[in-house]
């Protein structure tokens, strides 16, 4: 295999690798935010709260954690 053919294969693999990396980051964000929101929902449901403060607070915490993970992984 010539050097040009090998370089072409590397160039084709890079966009697919980047796509897989960033799409998995999106799934990680959805899962983290979903878990924290679900936990807050269950806490509010168990406490029979009229205002869903635990859901709101834990959802925001989940968003901040997800953003932290995204920023850390994009830096690398």
C-alpha atoms as a PDB file:
ATOM      1  CA  UNK A   1       0.000   0.000   0.000  1.00  0.00           C
ATOM      2  CA  UNK A   2       1.418   3.383  -0.932  1.00  0.00           C
ATOM      3  CA  UNK A   3       1.848   6.208   1.523  1.00  0.00           C
ATOM      4  CA  UNK A   4      -0.869   8.296  -0.168  1.00  0.00           C
ATOM      5  CA  UNK A   5      -3.454   5.533   0.217  1.00  0.00           C
ATOM      6  CA  UNK A   6      -2.594   5.163   3.892  1.00  0.00           C
ATOM      7  CA  UNK A   7      -2.926   8.932   4.478  1.00  0.00           C
ATOM      8  CA  UNK A   8      -6.324   8.925   2.725  1.00  0.00           C
ATOM      9  CA  UNK A   9      -7.565   6.160   5.011  1.00  0.00           C
ATOM     10  CA  UNK A  10      -6.415   8.117   8.080  1.00  0.00           C
ATOM     11  CA  UNK A  11      -8.213  11.254   6.853  1.00  0.00           C
ATOM     12  CA  UNK A  12     -11.443   9.323   6.311  1.00  0.00           C
ATOM     13  CA  UNK A  13     -11.283   7.765   9.778  1.00  0.00           C
ATOM     14  CA  UNK A  14     -10.758  11.077  11.607  1.00  0.00           C
ATOM     15  CA  UNK A  15     -14.228  12.585  10.949  1.00  0.00           C
ATOM     16  CA  UNK A  16     -15.924   9.333  11.893  1.00  0.00           C
ATOM     17  CA  UNK A  17     -13.892   9.106  15.073  1.00  0.00           C
ATOM     18  CA  UNK A  18     -14.748  12.704  15.993  1.00  0.00           C
ATOM     19  CA  UNK A  19     -18.423  12.083  15.238  1.00  0.00           C
ATOM     20  CA  UNK A  20     -18.474   9.032  17.491  1.00  0.00           C
ATOM     21  CA  UNK A  21     -16.685  10.899  20.266  1.00  0.00           C
ATOM     22  CA  UNK A  22     -19.006  13.906  20.275  1.00  0.00           C
ATOM     23  CA  UNK A  23     -22.198  11.918  19.869  1.00  0.00           C
ATOM     24  CA  UNK A  24     -21.238   9.802  22.870  1.00  0.00           C
ATOM     25  CA  UNK A  25     -20.690  12.994  24.859  1.00  0.00           C
ATOM     26  CA  UNK A  26     -24.267  14.012  24.026  1.00  0.00           C
ATOM     27  CA  UNK A  27     -25.600  10.679  25.258  1.00  0.00           C
ATOM     28  CA  UNK A  28     -23.573  11.041  28.455  1.00  0.00           C
ATOM     29  CA  UNK A  29     -25.107  14.468  29.044  1.00  0.00           C
ATOM     30  CA  UNK A  30     -28.641  13.151  28.557  1.00  0.00           C
ATOM     31  CA  UNK A  31     -28.038  10.255  30.945  1.00  0.00           C
ATOM     32  CA  UNK A  32     -26.463  12.406  33.681  1.00  0.00           C
ATOM     33  CA  UNK A  33     -29.178  15.061  33.540  1.00  0.00           C
ATOM     34  CA  UNK A  34     -31.874  12.382  33.383  1.00  0.00           C
ATOM     35  CA  UNK A  35     -30.579  10.524  36.424  1.00  0.00           C
ATOM     36  CA  UNK A  36     -30.345  13.678  38.540  1.00  0.00           C
ATOM     37  CA  UNK A  37     -33.793  14.869  37.442  1.00  0.00           C
ATOM     38  CA  UNK A  38     -35.329  11.467  38.153  1.00  0.00           C
ATOM     39  CA  UNK A  39     -33.733  11.418  41.621  1.00  0.00           C
ATOM     40  CA  UNK A  40     -35.146  14.876  42.333  1.00  0.00           C
ATOM     41  CA  UNK A  41     -38.563  13.793  41.106  1.00  0.00           C
ATOM     42  CA  UNK A  42     -38.541  10.781  43.406  1.00  0.00           C
ATOM     43  CA  UNK A  43     -37.471  12.928  46.370  1.00  0.00           C
ATOM     44  CA  UNK A  44     -40.299  15.385  45.695  1.00  0.00           C
ATOM     45  CA  UNK A  45     -42.760  12.545  45.218  1.00  0.00           C
ATOM     46  CA  UNK A  46     -41.751  10.899  48.517  1.00  0.00           C
ATOM     47  CA  UNK A  47     -41.955  14.210  50.373  1.00  0.00           C
ATOM     48  CA  UNK A  48     -45.278  15.112  48.726  1.00  0.00           C
ATOM     49  CA  UNK A  49     -44.003  18.606  47.968  1.00  0.00           C
ATOM     50  CA  UNK A  50     -46.294  21.011  46.154  1.00  0.00           C
ATOM     51  CA  UNK A  51     -43.363  22.909  44.660  1.00  0.00           C
ATOM     52  CA  UNK A  52     -40.831  20.632  42.975  1.00  0.00           C
ATOM     53  CA  UNK A  53     -37.666  22.214  44.399  1.00  0.00           C
ATOM     54  CA  UNK A  54     -35.639  19.023  44.632  1.00  0.00           C
ATOM     55  CA  UNK A  55     -36.338  18.233  40.978  1.00  0.00           C
ATOM     56  CA  UNK A  56     -35.274  21.717  39.886  1.00  0.00           C
ATOM     57  CA  UNK A  57     -32.126  21.796  42.017  1.00  0.00           C
ATOM     58  CA  UNK A  58     -30.956  18.308  41.120  1.00  0.00           C
ATOM     59  CA  UNK A  59     -31.663  18.931  37.419  1.00  0.00           C
ATOM     60  CA  UNK A  60     -29.452  22.043  37.550  1.00  0.00           C
ATOM     61  CA  UNK A  61     -26.735  20.127  39.375  1.00  0.00           C
ATOM     62  CA  UNK A  62     -26.928  17.483  36.654  1.00  0.00           C
ATOM     63  CA  UNK A  63     -26.559  20.149  33.955  1.00  0.00           C
ATOM     64  CA  UNK A  64     -23.483  21.626  35.635  1.00  0.00           C
ATOM     65  CA  UNK A  65     -21.881  18.204  36.071  1.00  0.00           C
ATOM     66  CA  UNK A  66     -22.618  17.328  32.435  1.00  0.00           C
ATOM     67  CA  UNK A  67     -21.119  20.618  31.239  1.00  0.00           C
ATOM     68  CA  UNK A  68     -18.029  20.034  33.382  1.00  0.00           C
ATOM     69  CA  UNK A  69     -17.555  16.597  31.817  1.00  0.00           C
ATOM     70  CA  UNK A  70     -18.046  17.992  28.291  1.00  0.00           C
ATOM     71  CA  UNK A  71     -15.541  20.809  28.809  1.00  0.00           C
ATOM     72  CA  UNK A  72     -13.013  18.418  30.336  1.00  0.00           C
ATOM     73  CA  UNK A  73     -13.344  15.906  27.493  1.00  0.00           C
ATOM     74  CA  UNK A  74     -13.185  18.565  24.745  1.00  0.00           C
ATOM     75  CA  UNK A  75      -9.999  19.979  26.259  1.00  0.00           C
ATOM     76  CA  UNK A  76      -8.317  16.609  25.880  1.00  0.00           C
END
